[in-house]
Amino acid sequence: MLELCGNQLKLPHSRSLKSGLFELRERKFGFRIYYTFLKNRIILLMHAGDKNTQNRDIEIARDRLDKLIRRKEYEDKEVSTVS
């Protein structure tokens, strides 16, 4: 479903957690997958868990996304100084 709908997928299947992080919900067992989009086309899975560990899982996913953003900014800066 995520592959077909992309960033247009909404509740009850997915919701935005702000700052580019999204939560994909599996309703029967309570599984959650935290993801982001790269270049609005590539879906990058950041972390997964279940409803019982949701707060910690979101924290881990946010931390990984922050590291990814910082790395991208650093790489872009390195490319622009070399050119």
C-alpha atoms as a PDB file:
ATOM      1  CA  MET A   1       0.000   0.000   0.000  1.00  0.00           C
ATOM      2  CA  LEU A   2       2.834   2.397   0.857  1.00  0.00           C
ATOM      3  CA  GLU A   3       4.507   1.650  -2.460  1.00  0.00           C
ATOM      4  CA  LEU A   4       1.317   2.521  -4.357  1.00  0.00           C
ATOM      5  CA  CYS A   5       0.245   5.596  -2.372  1.00  0.00           C
ATOM      6  CA  GLY A   6       3.635   6.980  -1.344  1.00  0.00           C
ATOM      7  CA  ASN A   7       3.448  10.144   0.743  1.00  0.00           C
ATOM      8  CA  GLN A   8      -0.305  10.390   0.110  1.00  0.00           C
ATOM      9  CA  LEU A   9      -1.044   7.424   2.411  1.00  0.00           C
ATOM     10  CA  LYS A  10      -2.983   8.639   5.458  1.00  0.00           C
ATOM     11  CA  LEU A  11      -4.710   7.311   8.587  1.00  0.00           C
ATOM     12  CA  PRO A  12      -5.555   4.627   9.524  1.00  0.00           C
ATOM     13  CA  HIS A  13      -2.578   3.150   7.657  1.00  0.00           C
ATOM     14  CA  SER A  14       0.027   5.871   8.061  1.00  0.00           C
ATOM     15  CA  ARG A  15       0.549   9.168   9.833  1.00  0.00           C
ATOM     16  CA  SER A  16       3.112  11.908   9.817  1.00  0.00           C
ATOM     17  CA  LEU A  17       5.238  12.305  12.932  1.00  0.00           C
ATOM     18  CA  LYS A  18       6.521  15.671  11.614  1.00  0.00           C
ATOM     19  CA  SER A  19       9.986  16.620  10.361  1.00  0.00           C
ATOM     20  CA  GLY A  20       9.907  14.046   7.567  1.00  0.00           C
ATOM     21  CA  LEU A  21       9.266  10.980   9.731  1.00  0.00           C
ATOM     22  CA  PHE A  22       6.209   8.796   9.137  1.00  0.00           C
ATOM     23  CA  GLU A  23       4.646   5.824  10.919  1.00  0.00           C
ATOM     24  CA  LEU A  24       3.207   2.882   8.988  1.00  0.00           C
ATOM     25  CA  ARG A  25       0.680   0.983  11.112  1.00  0.00           C
ATOM     26  CA  GLU A  26      -0.196  -2.676  11.059  1.00  0.00           C
ATOM     27  CA  ARG A  27      -3.426  -2.913  12.999  1.00  0.00           C
ATOM     28  CA  LYS A  28      -3.880  -6.594  13.838  1.00  0.00           C
ATOM     29  CA  PHE A  29      -0.691  -7.105  15.890  1.00  0.00           C
ATOM     30  CA  GLY A  30       0.235  -3.468  16.538  1.00  0.00           C
ATOM     31  CA  PHE A  31       3.469  -3.451  14.528  1.00  0.00           C
ATOM     32  CA  ARG A  32       4.855  -0.068  13.502  1.00  0.00           C
ATOM     33  CA  ILE A  33       7.401   0.833  10.815  1.00  0.00           C
ATOM     34  CA  TYR A  34       8.994   4.275  10.896  1.00  0.00           C
ATOM     35  CA  TYR A  35      10.125   5.635   7.554  1.00  0.00           C
ATOM     36  CA  THR A  36      11.075   8.691   5.544  1.00  0.00           C
ATOM     37  CA  PHE A  37      11.229   9.589   1.868  1.00  0.00           C
ATOM     38  CA  LEU A  38      14.372  10.394  -0.072  1.00  0.00           C
ATOM     39  CA  LYS A  39      13.821  12.638  -3.087  1.00  0.00           C
ATOM     40  CA  ASN A  40      10.051  12.028  -2.659  1.00  0.00           C
ATOM     41  CA  ARG A  41      10.429   8.599  -4.313  1.00  0.00           C
ATOM     42  CA  ILE A  42      12.616   6.318  -2.224  1.00  0.00           C
ATOM     43  CA  ILE A  43      11.150   4.941   0.983  1.00  0.00           C
ATOM     44  CA  LEU A  44      13.824   4.521   3.656  1.00  0.00           C
ATOM     45  CA  LEU A  45      12.899   2.416   6.686  1.00  0.00           C
ATOM     46  CA  MET A  46      14.345   3.984   9.828  1.00  0.00           C
ATOM     47  CA  HIS A  47      13.161   1.576  12.554  1.00  0.00           C
ATOM     48  CA  ALA A  48      10.356  -0.805  13.501  1.00  0.00           C
ATOM     49  CA  GLY A  49       8.672  -2.065  16.619  1.00  0.00           C
ATOM     50  CA  ASP A  50       5.273  -2.587  18.142  1.00  0.00           C
ATOM     51  CA  LYS A  51       2.753  -0.583  20.093  1.00  0.00           C
ATOM     52  CA  ASN A  52       4.382  -1.522  23.418  1.00  0.00           C
ATOM     53  CA  THR A  53       7.729   0.062  22.485  1.00  0.00           C
ATOM     54  CA  GLN A  54       6.310   2.884  20.374  1.00  0.00           C
ATOM     55  CA  ASN A  55       7.788   5.869  22.246  1.00  0.00           C
ATOM     56  CA  ARG A  56      11.310   4.421  22.309  1.00  0.00           C
ATOM     57  CA  ASP A  57      11.044   3.297  18.672  1.00  0.00           C
ATOM     58  CA  ILE A  58      10.042   6.792  17.554  1.00  0.00           C
ATOM     59  CA  GLU A  59      13.001   8.234  19.457  1.00  0.00           C
ATOM     60  CA  ILE A  60      15.382   5.811  17.696  1.00  0.00           C
ATOM     61  CA  ALA A  61      13.868   6.578  14.288  1.00  0.00           C
ATOM     62  CA  ARG A  62      14.136  10.357  14.882  1.00  0.00           C
ATOM     63  CA  ASP A  63      17.764   9.990  15.943  1.00  0.00           C
ATOM     64  CA  ARG A  64      18.579   8.005  12.798  1.00  0.00           C
ATOM     65  CA  LEU A  65      16.785  10.539  10.612  1.00  0.00           C
ATOM     66  CA  ASP A  66      18.660  13.416  12.270  1.00  0.00           C
ATOM     67  CA  LYS A  67      21.977  11.643  11.621  1.00  0.00           C
ATOM     68  CA  LEU A  68      20.992  11.062   8.001  1.00  0.00           C
ATOM     69  CA  ILE A  69      20.111  14.742   7.543  1.00  0.00           C
ATOM     70  CA  ARG A  70      23.364  15.905   9.153  1.00  0.00           C
ATOM     71  CA  ARG A  71      25.369  13.517   6.978  1.00  0.00           C
ATOM     72  CA  LYS A  72      23.588  14.728   3.842  1.00  0.00           C
ATOM     73  CA  GLU A  73      24.250  18.369   4.762  1.00  0.00           C
ATOM     74  CA  TYR A  74      27.926  17.544   5.369  1.00  0.00           C
ATOM     75  CA  GLU A  75      28.241  15.691   2.056  1.00  0.00           C
ATOM     76  CA  ASP A  76      26.558  18.551   0.188  1.00  0.00           C
ATOM     77  CA  LYS A  77      28.951  21.020   1.830  1.00  0.00           C
ATOM     78  CA  GLU A  78      31.969  18.886   0.888  1.00  0.00           C
ATOM     79  CA  VAL A  79      30.810  18.672  -2.743  1.00  0.00           C
ATOM     80  CA  SER A  80      30.284  22.430  -3.017  1.00  0.00           C
ATOM     81  CA  THR A  81      33.744  23.245  -1.636  1.00  0.00           C
ATOM     82  CA  VAL A  82      35.428  20.808  -4.046  1.00  0.00           C
ATOM     83  CA  SER A  83      33.690  22.141  -7.155  1.00  0.00           C
END
